[in-house]
Amino acid sequence: MAKPEPGCWYLIPPAVVAPVVLSGVAIVATFVVSIWSLVALPFVWLGARCAAPNLNLANGCLAYVAIFVGFLLSSWHEPRGLAITFGAIAGYSGGVIEKRLRMRPYSGDSSSHG
């Protein structure tokens, strides 16, 4: 994919494939690793929702907070904290990659966006 042009508008569809695949991985990890792997499911979706193709800190704020809380929680209950941390990191990373691959330049009239 070509490098984005500055000042150009882009359509960025939401990430769907990455969180679905990562949810499947979390469910399989429930049987292989620990039942606490199911805790990662909402954080996978949160990370993918907050992801931005340009790694914008403002968009990813909730994912970063979830990662921080997961690290803090892992000192009291390691399996749950690591599930939250890895779920948020994997969802965010997968969402960034998917959104970056699927974004397309907006070809319509930019004056209609007010």
PDB file of N, CA and C in Angstrom:
ATOM      1  N   MET A   1       0.839  -1.174   0.000  1.00  0.00           N
ATOM      2  CA  MET A   1       0.000   0.000   0.000  1.00  0.00           C
ATOM      3  C   MET A   1       0.886   1.240   0.000  1.00  0.00           C
ATOM      4  N   ALA A   2       0.477   2.219  -0.728  1.00  0.00           N
ATOM      5  CA  ALA A   2       1.239   3.470  -0.827  1.00  0.00           C
ATOM      6  C   ALA A   2       1.148   4.258   0.470  1.00  0.00           C
ATOM      7  N   LYS A   3       2.123   5.106   0.671  1.00  0.00           N
ATOM      8  CA  LYS A   3       2.153   5.961   1.857  1.00  0.00           C
ATOM      9  C   LYS A   3       1.009   6.978   1.769  1.00  0.00           C
ATOM     10  N   PRO A   4       0.264   7.178   2.890  1.00  0.00           N
ATOM     11  CA  PRO A   4      -0.842   8.143   2.859  1.00  0.00           C
ATOM     12  C   PRO A   4      -0.347   9.556   2.565  1.00  0.00           C
ATOM     13  N   GLU A   5      -1.112  10.259   1.749  1.00  0.00           N
ATOM     14  CA  GLU A   5      -0.768  11.633   1.410  1.00  0.00           C
ATOM     15  C   GLU A   5      -1.288  12.569   2.493  1.00  0.00           C
ATOM     16  N   PRO A   6      -0.486  13.564   2.888  1.00  0.00           N
ATOM     17  CA  PRO A   6      -0.963  14.514   3.899  1.00  0.00           C
ATOM     18  C   PRO A   6      -2.125  15.352   3.356  1.00  0.00           C
ATOM     19  N   GLY A   7      -3.113  15.595   4.200  1.00  0.00           N
ATOM     20  CA  GLY A   7      -4.257  16.413   3.803  1.00  0.00           C
ATOM     21  C   GLY A   7      -5.314  15.657   3.042  1.00  0.00           C
ATOM     22  N   CYS A   8      -5.133  14.384   2.804  1.00  0.00           N
ATOM     23  CA  CYS A   8      -6.100  13.579   2.056  1.00  0.00           C
ATOM     24  C   CYS A   8      -7.035  12.871   3.048  1.00  0.00           C
ATOM     25  N   TRP A   9      -8.303  12.745   2.694  1.00  0.00           N
ATOM     26  CA  TRP A   9      -9.278  12.055   3.528  1.00  0.00           C
ATOM     27  C   TRP A   9      -9.236  10.567   3.252  1.00  0.00           C
ATOM     28  N   TYR A  10      -9.433   9.755   4.295  1.00  0.00           N
ATOM     29  CA  TYR A  10      -9.437   8.299   4.142  1.00  0.00           C
ATOM     30  C   TYR A  10     -10.668   7.704   4.805  1.00  0.00           C
ATOM     31  N   LEU A  11     -11.207   6.669   4.187  1.00  0.00           N
ATOM     32  CA  LEU A  11     -12.283   5.878   4.780  1.00  0.00           C
ATOM     33  C   LEU A  11     -11.637   4.684   5.471  1.00  0.00           C
ATOM     34  N   ILE A  12     -11.925   4.516   6.744  1.00  0.00           N
ATOM     35  CA  ILE A  12     -11.313   3.447   7.518  1.00  0.00           C
ATOM     36  C   ILE A  12     -12.428   2.576   8.088  1.00  0.00           C
ATOM     37  N   PRO A  13     -12.649   1.396   7.507  1.00  0.00           N
ATOM     38  CA  PRO A  13     -13.687   0.511   8.037  1.00  0.00           C
ATOM     39  C   PRO A  13     -13.257  -0.084   9.375  1.00  0.00           C
ATOM     40  N   PRO A  14     -14.200  -0.432  10.216  1.00  0.00           N
ATOM     41  CA  PRO A  14     -13.836  -1.011  11.514  1.00  0.00           C
ATOM     42  C   PRO A  14     -13.176  -2.381  11.349  1.00  0.00           C
ATOM     43  N   ALA A  15     -12.320  -2.713  12.291  1.00  0.00           N
ATOM     44  CA  ALA A  15     -11.647  -4.018  12.276  1.00  0.00           C
ATOM     45  C   ALA A  15     -12.649  -5.097  12.680  1.00  0.00           C
ATOM     46  N   VAL A  16     -12.724  -6.148  11.885  1.00  0.00           N
ATOM     47  CA  VAL A  16     -13.628  -7.250  12.172  1.00  0.00           C
ATOM     48  C   VAL A  16     -12.868  -8.574  12.204  1.00  0.00           C
ATOM     49  N   VAL A  17     -12.034  -8.795  11.225  1.00  0.00           N
ATOM     50  CA  VAL A  17     -11.343 -10.074  11.090  1.00  0.00           C
ATOM     51  C   VAL A  17     -10.388 -10.309  12.261  1.00  0.00           C
ATOM     52  N   ALA A  18      -9.589  -9.319  12.607  1.00  0.00           N
ATOM     53  CA  ALA A  18      -8.606  -9.482  13.685  1.00  0.00           C
ATOM     54  C   ALA A  18      -9.262  -9.831  15.018  1.00  0.00           C
ATOM     55  N   PRO A  19     -10.294  -9.107  15.477  1.00  0.00           N
ATOM     56  CA  PRO A  19     -10.879  -9.495  16.757  1.00  0.00           C
ATOM     57  C   PRO A  19     -11.588 -10.842  16.739  1.00  0.00           C
ATOM     58  N   VAL A  20     -12.159 -11.214  15.593  1.00  0.00           N
ATOM     59  CA  VAL A  20     -12.811 -12.521  15.506  1.00  0.00           C
ATOM     60  C   VAL A  20     -11.771 -13.630  15.629  1.00  0.00           C
ATOM     61  N   VAL A  21     -10.662 -13.494  14.910  1.00  0.00           N
ATOM     62  CA  VAL A  21      -9.597 -14.493  14.986  1.00  0.00           C
ATOM     63  C   VAL A  21      -9.002 -14.533  16.393  1.00  0.00           C
ATOM     64  N   LEU A  22      -8.740 -13.374  16.979  1.00  0.00           N
ATOM     65  CA  LEU A  22      -8.169 -13.329  18.324  1.00  0.00           C
ATOM     66  C   LEU A  22      -9.150 -13.845  19.373  1.00  0.00           C
ATOM     67  N   SER A  23     -10.439 -13.685  19.159  1.00  0.00           N
ATOM     68  CA  SER A  23     -11.427 -14.265  20.067  1.00  0.00           C
ATOM     69  C   SER A  23     -11.381 -15.787  20.002  1.00  0.00           C
ATOM     70  N   GLY A  24     -11.215 -16.312  18.801  1.00  0.00           N
ATOM     71  CA  GLY A  24     -11.049 -17.754  18.651  1.00  0.00           C
ATOM     72  C   GLY A  24      -9.802 -18.263  19.355  1.00  0.00           C
ATOM     73  N   VAL A  25      -8.728 -17.498  19.256  1.00  0.00           N
ATOM     74  CA  VAL A  25      -7.485 -17.873  19.953  1.00  0.00           C
ATOM     75  C   VAL A  25      -7.706 -17.869  21.465  1.00  0.00           C
ATOM     76  N   ALA A  26      -8.420 -16.874  21.975  1.00  0.00           N
ATOM     77  CA  ALA A  26      -8.694 -16.803  23.413  1.00  0.00           C
ATOM     78  C   ALA A  26      -9.550 -17.977  23.868  1.00  0.00           C
ATOM     79  N   ILE A  27     -10.510 -18.376  23.051  1.00  0.00           N
ATOM     80  CA  ILE A  27     -11.365 -19.514  23.414  1.00  0.00           C
ATOM     81  C   ILE A  27     -10.563 -20.810  23.417  1.00  0.00           C
ATOM     82  N   VAL A  28      -9.697 -20.990  22.439  1.00  0.00           N
ATOM     83  CA  VAL A  28      -8.835 -22.178  22.419  1.00  0.00           C
ATOM     84  C   VAL A  28      -7.881 -22.152  23.608  1.00  0.00           C
ATOM     85  N   ALA A  29      -7.352 -20.977  23.941  1.00  0.00           N
ATOM     86  CA  ALA A  29      -6.446 -20.850  25.091  1.00  0.00           C
ATOM     87  C   ALA A  29      -7.158 -21.183  26.398  1.00  0.00           C
ATOM     88  N   THR A  30      -8.472 -21.048  26.437  1.00  0.00           N
ATOM     89  CA  THR A  30      -9.226 -21.420  27.625  1.00  0.00           C
ATOM     90  C   THR A  30      -9.070 -22.907  27.924  1.00  0.00           C
ATOM     91  N   PHE A  31      -9.054 -23.721  26.881  1.00  0.00           N
ATOM     92  CA  PHE A  31      -8.919 -25.164  27.068  1.00  0.00           C
ATOM     93  C   PHE A  31      -7.466 -25.594  27.232  1.00  0.00           C
ATOM     94  N   VAL A  32      -6.542 -24.841  26.643  1.00  0.00           N
ATOM     95  CA  VAL A  32      -5.134 -25.226  26.662  1.00  0.00           C
ATOM     96  C   VAL A  32      -4.382 -24.621  27.847  1.00  0.00           C
ATOM     97  N   VAL A  33      -4.617 -23.343  28.132  1.00  0.00           N
ATOM     98  CA  VAL A  33      -3.836 -22.627  29.138  1.00  0.00           C
ATOM     99  C   VAL A  33      -4.604 -22.511  30.453  1.00  0.00           C
ATOM    100  N   SER A  34      -5.683 -21.731  30.454  1.00  0.00           N
ATOM    101  CA  SER A  34      -6.417 -21.456  31.687  1.00  0.00           C
ATOM    102  C   SER A  34      -7.807 -20.934  31.354  1.00  0.00           C
ATOM    103  N   ILE A  35      -8.743 -21.161  32.270  1.00  0.00           N
ATOM    104  CA  ILE A  35     -10.101 -20.644  32.097  1.00  0.00           C
ATOM    105  C   ILE A  35     -10.105 -19.127  32.114  1.00  0.00           C
ATOM    106  N   TRP A  36      -9.086 -18.522  32.718  1.00  0.00           N
ATOM    107  CA  TRP A  36      -9.002 -17.067  32.794  1.00  0.00           C
ATOM    108  C   TRP A  36      -8.739 -16.426  31.439  1.00  0.00           C
ATOM    109  N   SER A  37      -8.428 -17.219  30.438  1.00  0.00           N
ATOM    110  CA  SER A  37      -8.223 -16.669  29.088  1.00  0.00           C
ATOM    111  C   SER A  37      -9.494 -16.049  28.529  1.00  0.00           C
ATOM    112  N   LEU A  38     -10.651 -16.473  29.033  1.00  0.00           N
ATOM    113  CA  LEU A  38     -11.912 -15.882  28.569  1.00  0.00           C
ATOM    114  C   LEU A  38     -12.039 -14.417  28.968  1.00  0.00           C
ATOM    115  N   VAL A  39     -11.313 -14.005  29.997  1.00  0.00           N
ATOM    116  CA  VAL A  39     -11.338 -12.606  30.420  1.00  0.00           C
ATOM    117  C   VAL A  39     -10.799 -11.703  29.308  1.00  0.00           C
ATOM    118  N   ALA A  40      -9.968 -12.243  28.427  1.00  0.00           N
ATOM    119  CA  ALA A  40      -9.364 -11.453  27.354  1.00  0.00           C
ATOM    120  C   ALA A  40     -10.372 -11.034  26.278  1.00  0.00           C
ATOM    121  N   LEU A  41     -11.485 -11.726  26.161  1.00  0.00           N
ATOM    122  CA  LEU A  41     -12.424 -11.467  25.053  1.00  0.00           C
ATOM    123  C   LEU A  41     -12.888 -10.013  24.952  1.00  0.00           C
ATOM    124  N   PRO A  42     -13.425  -9.401  26.005  1.00  0.00           N
ATOM    125  CA  PRO A  42     -13.861  -8.010  25.825  1.00  0.00           C
ATOM    126  C   PRO A  42     -12.705  -7.052  25.549  1.00  0.00           C
ATOM    127  N   PHE A  43     -11.519  -7.385  26.046  1.00  0.00           N
ATOM    128  CA  PHE A  43     -10.380  -6.496  25.850  1.00  0.00           C
ATOM    129  C   PHE A  43      -9.790  -6.632  24.447  1.00  0.00           C
ATOM    130  N   VAL A  44      -9.962  -7.787  23.827  1.00  0.00           N
ATOM    131  CA  VAL A  44      -9.593  -7.933  22.414  1.00  0.00           C
ATOM    132  C   VAL A  44     -10.451  -6.996  21.573  1.00  0.00           C
ATOM    133  N   TRP A  45     -11.755  -6.996  21.828  1.00  0.00           N
ATOM    134  CA  TRP A  45     -12.670  -6.146  21.058  1.00  0.00           C
ATOM    135  C   TRP A  45     -12.471  -4.674  21.380  1.00  0.00           C
ATOM    136  N   LEU A  46     -12.191  -4.360  22.647  1.00  0.00           N
ATOM    137  CA  LEU A  46     -11.910  -2.976  23.021  1.00  0.00           C
ATOM    138  C   LEU A  46     -10.652  -2.466  22.322  1.00  0.00           C
ATOM    139  N   GLY A  47      -9.604  -3.277  22.329  1.00  0.00           N
ATOM    140  CA  GLY A  47      -8.359  -2.883  21.669  1.00  0.00           C
ATOM    141  C   GLY A  47      -8.539  -2.684  20.173  1.00  0.00           C
ATOM    142  N   ALA A  48      -9.298  -3.580  19.532  1.00  0.00           N
ATOM    143  CA  ALA A  48      -9.529  -3.450  18.089  1.00  0.00           C
ATOM    144  C   ALA A  48     -10.395  -2.231  17.779  1.00  0.00           C
ATOM    145  N   ARG A  49     -11.332  -1.923  18.642  1.00  0.00           N
ATOM    146  CA  ARG A  49     -12.201  -0.755  18.429  1.00  0.00           C
ATOM    147  C   ARG A  49     -11.421   0.545  18.583  1.00  0.00           C
ATOM    148  N   CYS A  50     -10.494   0.575  19.535  1.00  0.00           N
ATOM    149  CA  CYS A  50      -9.725   1.791  19.812  1.00  0.00           C
ATOM    150  C   CYS A  50      -8.547   1.985  18.861  1.00  0.00           C
ATOM    151  N   ALA A  51      -8.218   0.989  18.087  1.00  0.00           N
ATOM    152  CA  ALA A  51      -7.048   1.068  17.218  1.00  0.00           C
ATOM    153  C   ALA A  51      -7.254   2.091  16.103  1.00  0.00           C
ATOM    154  N   ALA A  52      -6.183   2.790  15.768  1.00  0.00           N
ATOM    155  CA  ALA A  52      -6.187   3.734  14.651  1.00  0.00           C
ATOM    156  C   ALA A  52      -4.974   3.417  13.780  1.00  0.00           C
ATOM    157  N   PRO A  53      -5.129   3.497  12.457  1.00  0.00           N
ATOM    158  CA  PRO A  53      -4.015   3.133  11.580  1.00  0.00           C
ATOM    159  C   PRO A  53      -2.776   3.998  11.774  1.00  0.00           C
ATOM    160  N   ASN A  54      -2.929   5.189  12.322  1.00  0.00           N
ATOM    161  CA  ASN A  54      -1.771   6.060  12.526  1.00  0.00           C
ATOM    162  C   ASN A  54      -1.235   5.976  13.956  1.00  0.00           C
ATOM    163  N   LEU A  55      -1.712   5.001  14.745  1.00  0.00           N
ATOM    164  CA  LEU A  55      -1.291   4.791  16.135  1.00  0.00           C
ATOM    165  C   LEU A  55      -1.514   6.039  16.990  1.00  0.00           C
ATOM    166  N   ASN A  56      -2.616   6.708  16.762  1.00  0.00           N
ATOM    167  CA  ASN A  56      -2.973   7.925  17.487  1.00  0.00           C
ATOM    168  C   ASN A  56      -3.179   7.605  18.968  1.00  0.00           C
ATOM    169  N   LEU A  57      -2.510   8.329  19.838  1.00  0.00           N
ATOM    170  CA  LEU A  57      -2.620   8.089  21.272  1.00  0.00           C
ATOM    171  C   LEU A  57      -4.005   8.415  21.812  1.00  0.00           C
ATOM    172  N   ALA A  58      -4.659   9.418  21.252  1.00  0.00           N
ATOM    173  CA  ALA A  58      -5.988   9.790  21.729  1.00  0.00           C
ATOM    174  C   ALA A  58      -7.005   8.694  21.428  1.00  0.00           C
ATOM    175  N   ASN A  59      -6.930   8.090  20.265  1.00  0.00           N
ATOM    176  CA  ASN A  59      -7.860   7.013  19.919  1.00  0.00           C
ATOM    177  C   ASN A  59      -7.595   5.763  20.742  1.00  0.00           C
ATOM    178  N   GLY A  60      -6.338   5.475  21.026  1.00  0.00           N
ATOM    179  CA  GLY A  60      -5.985   4.260  21.737  1.00  0.00           C
ATOM    180  C   GLY A  60      -5.971   4.385  23.243  1.00  0.00           C
ATOM    181  N   CYS A  61      -6.469   5.485  23.776  1.00  0.00           N
ATOM    182  CA  CYS A  61      -6.383   5.751  25.214  1.00  0.00           C
ATOM    183  C   CYS A  61      -7.026   4.638  26.047  1.00  0.00           C
ATOM    184  N   LEU A  62      -8.211   4.182  25.691  1.00  0.00           N
ATOM    185  CA  LEU A  62      -8.865   3.127  26.466  1.00  0.00           C
ATOM    186  C   LEU A  62      -8.079   1.824  26.427  1.00  0.00           C
ATOM    187  N   ALA A  63      -7.495   1.505  25.286  1.00  0.00           N
ATOM    188  CA  ALA A  63      -6.680   0.291  25.193  1.00  0.00           C
ATOM    189  C   ALA A  63      -5.441   0.419  26.063  1.00  0.00           C
ATOM    190  N   TYR A  64      -4.826   1.596  26.065  1.00  0.00           N
ATOM    191  CA  TYR A  64      -3.641   1.799  26.903  1.00  0.00           C
ATOM    192  C   TYR A  64      -3.993   1.712  28.379  1.00  0.00           C
ATOM    193  N   VAL A  65      -5.133   2.234  28.769  1.00  0.00           N
ATOM    194  CA  VAL A  65      -5.575   2.143  30.161  1.00  0.00           C
ATOM    195  C   VAL A  65      -5.829   0.678  30.532  1.00  0.00           C
ATOM    196  N   ALA A  66      -6.437  -0.081  29.630  1.00  0.00           N
ATOM    197  CA  ALA A  66      -6.685  -1.504  29.889  1.00  0.00           C
ATOM    198  C   ALA A  66      -5.378  -2.270  30.053  1.00  0.00           C
ATOM    199  N   ILE A  67      -4.387  -1.949  29.243  1.00  0.00           N
ATOM    200  CA  ILE A  67      -3.078  -2.600  29.372  1.00  0.00           C
ATOM    201  C   ILE A  67      -2.464  -2.270  30.729  1.00  0.00           C
ATOM    202  N   PHE A  68      -2.525  -1.014  31.124  1.00  0.00           N
ATOM    203  CA  PHE A  68      -1.982  -0.588  32.417  1.00  0.00           C
ATOM    204  C   PHE A  68      -2.706  -1.280  33.574  1.00  0.00           C
ATOM    205  N   VAL A  69      -4.034  -1.336  33.506  1.00  0.00           N
ATOM    206  CA  VAL A  69      -4.810  -1.998  34.553  1.00  0.00           C
ATOM    207  C   VAL A  69      -4.485  -3.493  34.588  1.00  0.00           C
ATOM    208  N   GLY A  70      -4.294  -4.096  33.433  1.00  0.00           N
ATOM    209  CA  GLY A  70      -3.910  -5.507  33.390  1.00  0.00           C
ATOM    210  C   GLY A  70      -2.575  -5.753  34.063  1.00  0.00           C
ATOM    211  N   PHE A  71      -1.613  -4.867  33.819  1.00  0.00           N
ATOM    212  CA  PHE A  71      -0.320  -4.990  34.496  1.00  0.00           C
ATOM    213  C   PHE A  71      -0.483  -4.851  36.009  1.00  0.00           C
ATOM    214  N   LEU A  72      -1.273  -3.883  36.454  1.00  0.00           N
ATOM    215  CA  LEU A  72      -1.495  -3.707  37.893  1.00  0.00           C
ATOM    216  C   LEU A  72      -2.200  -4.921  38.507  1.00  0.00           C
ATOM    217  N   LEU A  73      -3.210  -5.417  37.806  1.00  0.00           N
ATOM    218  CA  LEU A  73      -3.973  -6.550  38.308  1.00  0.00           C
ATOM    219  C   LEU A  73      -3.138  -7.825  38.349  1.00  0.00           C
ATOM    220  N   SER A  74      -2.161  -7.944  37.479  1.00  0.00           N
ATOM    221  CA  SER A  74      -1.345  -9.164  37.447  1.00  0.00           C
ATOM    222  C   SER A  74      -0.491  -9.321  38.699  1.00  0.00           C
ATOM    223  N   SER A  75      -0.290  -8.257  39.456  1.00  0.00           N
ATOM    224  CA  SER A  75       0.454  -8.401  40.706  1.00  0.00           C
ATOM    225  C   SER A  75      -0.408  -9.063  41.786  1.00  0.00           C
ATOM    226  N   TRP A  76      -1.744  -8.974  41.677  1.00  0.00           N
ATOM    227  CA  TRP A  76      -2.632  -9.630  42.631  1.00  0.00           C
ATOM    228  C   TRP A  76      -3.134 -10.970  42.107  1.00  0.00           C
ATOM    229  N   HIS A  77      -3.512 -11.009  40.846  1.00  0.00           N
ATOM    230  CA  HIS A  77      -4.009 -12.256  40.252  1.00  0.00           C
ATOM    231  C   HIS A  77      -3.442 -12.358  38.843  1.00  0.00           C
ATOM    232  N   GLU A  78      -2.334 -13.058  38.736  1.00  0.00           N
ATOM    233  CA  GLU A  78      -1.569 -13.073  37.493  1.00  0.00           C
ATOM    234  C   GLU A  78      -2.340 -13.576  36.273  1.00  0.00           C
ATOM    235  N   PRO A  79      -3.067 -14.692  36.338  1.00  0.00           N
ATOM    236  CA  PRO A  79      -3.761 -15.151  35.121  1.00  0.00           C
ATOM    237  C   PRO A  79      -4.771 -14.143  34.572  1.00  0.00           C
ATOM    238  N   ARG A  80      -5.501 -13.509  35.453  1.00  0.00           N
ATOM    239  CA  ARG A  80      -6.499 -12.530  35.008  1.00  0.00           C
ATOM    240  C   ARG A  80      -5.829 -11.275  34.451  1.00  0.00           C
ATOM    241  N   GLY A  81      -4.808 -10.782  35.139  1.00  0.00           N
ATOM    242  CA  GLY A  81      -4.098  -9.591  34.679  1.00  0.00           C
ATOM    243  C   GLY A  81      -3.422  -9.798  33.340  1.00  0.00           C
ATOM    244  N   LEU A  82      -2.789 -10.964  33.164  1.00  0.00           N
ATOM    245  CA  LEU A  82      -2.125 -11.240  31.883  1.00  0.00           C
ATOM    246  C   LEU A  82      -3.131 -11.415  30.753  1.00  0.00           C
ATOM    247  N   ALA A  83      -4.292 -12.001  31.053  1.00  0.00           N
ATOM    248  CA  ALA A  83      -5.327 -12.139  30.027  1.00  0.00           C
ATOM    249  C   ALA A  83      -5.812 -10.774  29.561  1.00  0.00           C
ATOM    250  N   ILE A  84      -6.009  -9.861  30.503  1.00  0.00           N
ATOM    251  CA  ILE A  84      -6.437  -8.503  30.145  1.00  0.00           C
ATOM    252  C   ILE A  84      -5.350  -7.805  29.336  1.00  0.00           C
ATOM    253  N   THR A  85      -4.110  -7.895  29.802  1.00  0.00           N
ATOM    254  CA  THR A  85      -2.998  -7.232  29.121  1.00  0.00           C
ATOM    255  C   THR A  85      -2.802  -7.767  27.712  1.00  0.00           C
ATOM    256  N   PHE A  86      -2.699  -9.080  27.588  1.00  0.00           N
ATOM    257  CA  PHE A  86      -2.456  -9.663  26.266  1.00  0.00           C
ATOM    258  C   PHE A  86      -3.654  -9.497  25.340  1.00  0.00           C
ATOM    259  N   GLY A  87      -4.870  -9.545  25.891  1.00  0.00           N
ATOM    260  CA  GLY A  87      -6.055  -9.323  25.066  1.00  0.00           C
ATOM    261  C   GLY A  87      -6.093  -7.911  24.497  1.00  0.00           C
ATOM    262  N   ALA A  88      -5.787  -6.924  25.336  1.00  0.00           N
ATOM    263  CA  ALA A  88      -5.804  -5.527  24.870  1.00  0.00           C
ATOM    264  C   ALA A  88      -4.672  -5.264  23.877  1.00  0.00           C
ATOM    265  N   ILE A  89      -3.486  -5.801  24.153  1.00  0.00           N
ATOM    266  CA  ILE A  89      -2.355  -5.597  23.235  1.00  0.00           C
ATOM    267  C   ILE A  89      -2.616  -6.279  21.895  1.00  0.00           C
ATOM    268  N   ALA A  90      -3.091  -7.520  21.933  1.00  0.00           N
ATOM    269  CA  ALA A  90      -3.349  -8.249  20.689  1.00  0.00           C
ATOM    270  C   ALA A  90      -4.482  -7.603  19.893  1.00  0.00           C
ATOM    271  N   GLY A  91      -5.550  -7.207  20.566  1.00  0.00           N
ATOM    272  CA  GLY A  91      -6.662  -6.556  19.866  1.00  0.00           C
ATOM    273  C   GLY A  91      -6.251  -5.240  19.242  1.00  0.00           C
ATOM    274  N   TYR A  92      -5.481  -4.449  19.982  1.00  0.00           N
ATOM    275  CA  TYR A  92      -5.020  -3.159  19.464  1.00  0.00           C
ATOM    276  C   TYR A  92      -4.082  -3.363  18.267  1.00  0.00           C
ATOM    277  N   SER A  93      -3.137  -4.267  18.408  1.00  0.00           N
ATOM    278  CA  SER A  93      -2.181  -4.515  17.315  1.00  0.00           C
ATOM    279  C   SER A  93      -2.888  -5.067  16.079  1.00  0.00           C
ATOM    280  N   GLY A  94      -3.760  -6.037  16.292  1.00  0.00           N
ATOM    281  CA  GLY A  94      -4.497  -6.603  15.160  1.00  0.00           C
ATOM    282  C   GLY A  94      -5.409  -5.583  14.506  1.00  0.00           C
ATOM    283  N   GLY A  95      -6.046  -4.733  15.318  1.00  0.00           N
ATOM    284  CA  GLY A  95      -6.909  -3.692  14.768  1.00  0.00           C
ATOM    285  C   GLY A  95      -6.138  -2.669  13.963  1.00  0.00           C
ATOM    286  N   VAL A  96      -4.957  -2.288  14.453  1.00  0.00           N
ATOM    287  CA  VAL A  96      -4.120  -1.332  13.708  1.00  0.00           C
ATOM    288  C   VAL A  96      -3.728  -1.915  12.359  1.00  0.00           C
ATOM    289  N   ILE A  97      -3.287  -3.156  12.353  1.00  0.00           N
ATOM    290  CA  ILE A  97      -2.852  -3.783  11.094  1.00  0.00           C
ATOM    291  C   ILE A  97      -4.020  -3.916  10.126  1.00  0.00           C
ATOM    292  N   GLU A  98      -5.161  -4.391  10.623  1.00  0.00           N
ATOM    293  CA  GLU A  98      -6.311  -4.558   9.737  1.00  0.00           C
ATOM    294  C   GLU A  98      -6.822  -3.226   9.197  1.00  0.00           C
ATOM    295  N   LYS A  99      -6.938  -2.229  10.054  1.00  0.00           N
ATOM    296  CA  LYS A  99      -7.420  -0.930   9.589  1.00  0.00           C
ATOM    297  C   LYS A  99      -6.439  -0.287   8.618  1.00  0.00           C
ATOM    298  N   ARG A 100      -5.154  -0.478   8.846  1.00  0.00           N
ATOM    299  CA  ARG A 100      -4.141   0.071   7.938  1.00  0.00           C
ATOM    300  C   ARG A 100      -4.235  -0.589   6.570  1.00  0.00           C
ATOM    301  N   LEU A 101      -4.471  -1.880   6.539  1.00  0.00           N
ATOM    302  CA  LEU A 101      -4.571  -2.597   5.263  1.00  0.00           C
ATOM    303  C   LEU A 101      -5.861  -2.288   4.517  1.00  0.00           C
ATOM    304  N   ARG A 102      -6.939  -1.989   5.247  1.00  0.00           N
ATOM    305  CA  ARG A 102      -8.241  -1.797   4.611  1.00  0.00           C
ATOM    306  C   ARG A 102      -8.609  -0.340   4.344  1.00  0.00           C
ATOM    307  N   MET A 103      -7.820   0.623   4.837  1.00  0.00           N
ATOM    308  CA  MET A 103      -8.191   2.026   4.613  1.00  0.00           C
ATOM    309  C   MET A 103      -8.004   2.400   3.139  1.00  0.00           C
ATOM    310  N   ARG A 104      -8.907   3.226   2.660  1.00  0.00           N
ATOM    311  CA  ARG A 104      -8.902   3.633   1.260  1.00  0.00           C
ATOM    312  C   ARG A 104      -9.062   5.146   1.175  1.00  0.00           C
ATOM    313  N   PRO A 105      -8.444   5.765   0.174  1.00  0.00           N
ATOM    314  CA  PRO A 105      -8.645   7.218  -0.006  1.00  0.00           C
ATOM    315  C   PRO A 105     -10.106   7.513  -0.326  1.00  0.00           C
ATOM    316  N   TYR A 106     -10.585   8.618   0.211  1.00  0.00           N
ATOM    317  CA  TYR A 106     -11.950   9.054  -0.053  1.00  0.00           C
ATOM    318  C   TYR A 106     -11.973   9.772  -1.387  1.00  0.00           C
ATOM    319  N   SER A 107     -12.800   9.284  -2.301  1.00  0.00           N
ATOM    320  CA  SER A 107     -12.812   9.842  -3.660  1.00  0.00           C
ATOM    321  C   SER A 107     -13.946  10.833  -3.886  1.00  0.00           C
ATOM    322  N   GLY A 108     -14.779  11.078  -2.883  1.00  0.00           N
ATOM    323  CA  GLY A 108     -15.906  11.995  -3.037  1.00  0.00           C
ATOM    324  C   GLY A 108     -15.480  13.447  -2.868  1.00  0.00           C
ATOM    325  N   ASP A 109     -16.463  14.318  -2.923  1.00  0.00           N
ATOM    326  CA  ASP A 109     -16.207  15.755  -2.765  1.00  0.00           C
ATOM    327  C   ASP A 109     -15.980  16.059  -1.305  1.00  0.00           C
ATOM    328  N   SER A 110     -14.799  16.567  -0.959  1.00  0.00           N
ATOM    329  CA  SER A 110     -14.454  16.826   0.445  1.00  0.00           C
ATOM    330  C   SER A 110     -15.165  18.065   0.997  1.00  0.00           C
ATOM    331  N   SER A 111     -15.763  18.895   0.128  1.00  0.00           N
ATOM    332  CA  SER A 111     -16.451  20.088   0.609  1.00  0.00           C
ATOM    333  C   SER A 111     -17.778  19.729   1.295  1.00  0.00           C
ATOM    334  N   SER A 112     -18.294  18.522   1.076  1.00  0.00           N
ATOM    335  CA  SER A 112     -19.551  18.126   1.703  1.00  0.00           C
ATOM    336  C   SER A 112     -19.355  17.698   3.157  1.00  0.00           C
ATOM    337  N   HIS A 113     -18.103  17.656   3.630  1.00  0.00           N
ATOM    338  CA  HIS A 113     -17.839  17.274   5.013  1.00  0.00           C
ATOM    339  C   HIS A 113     -17.791  18.446   5.947  1.00  0.00           C
ATOM    340  N   GLY A 114     -18.236  19.595   5.534  1.00  0.00           N
ATOM    341  CA  GLY A 114     -18.422  20.744   6.364  1.00  0.00           C
ATOM    342  C   GLY A 114     -17.216  21.337   6.932  1.00  0.00           C
TER     343      GLY A 114
END
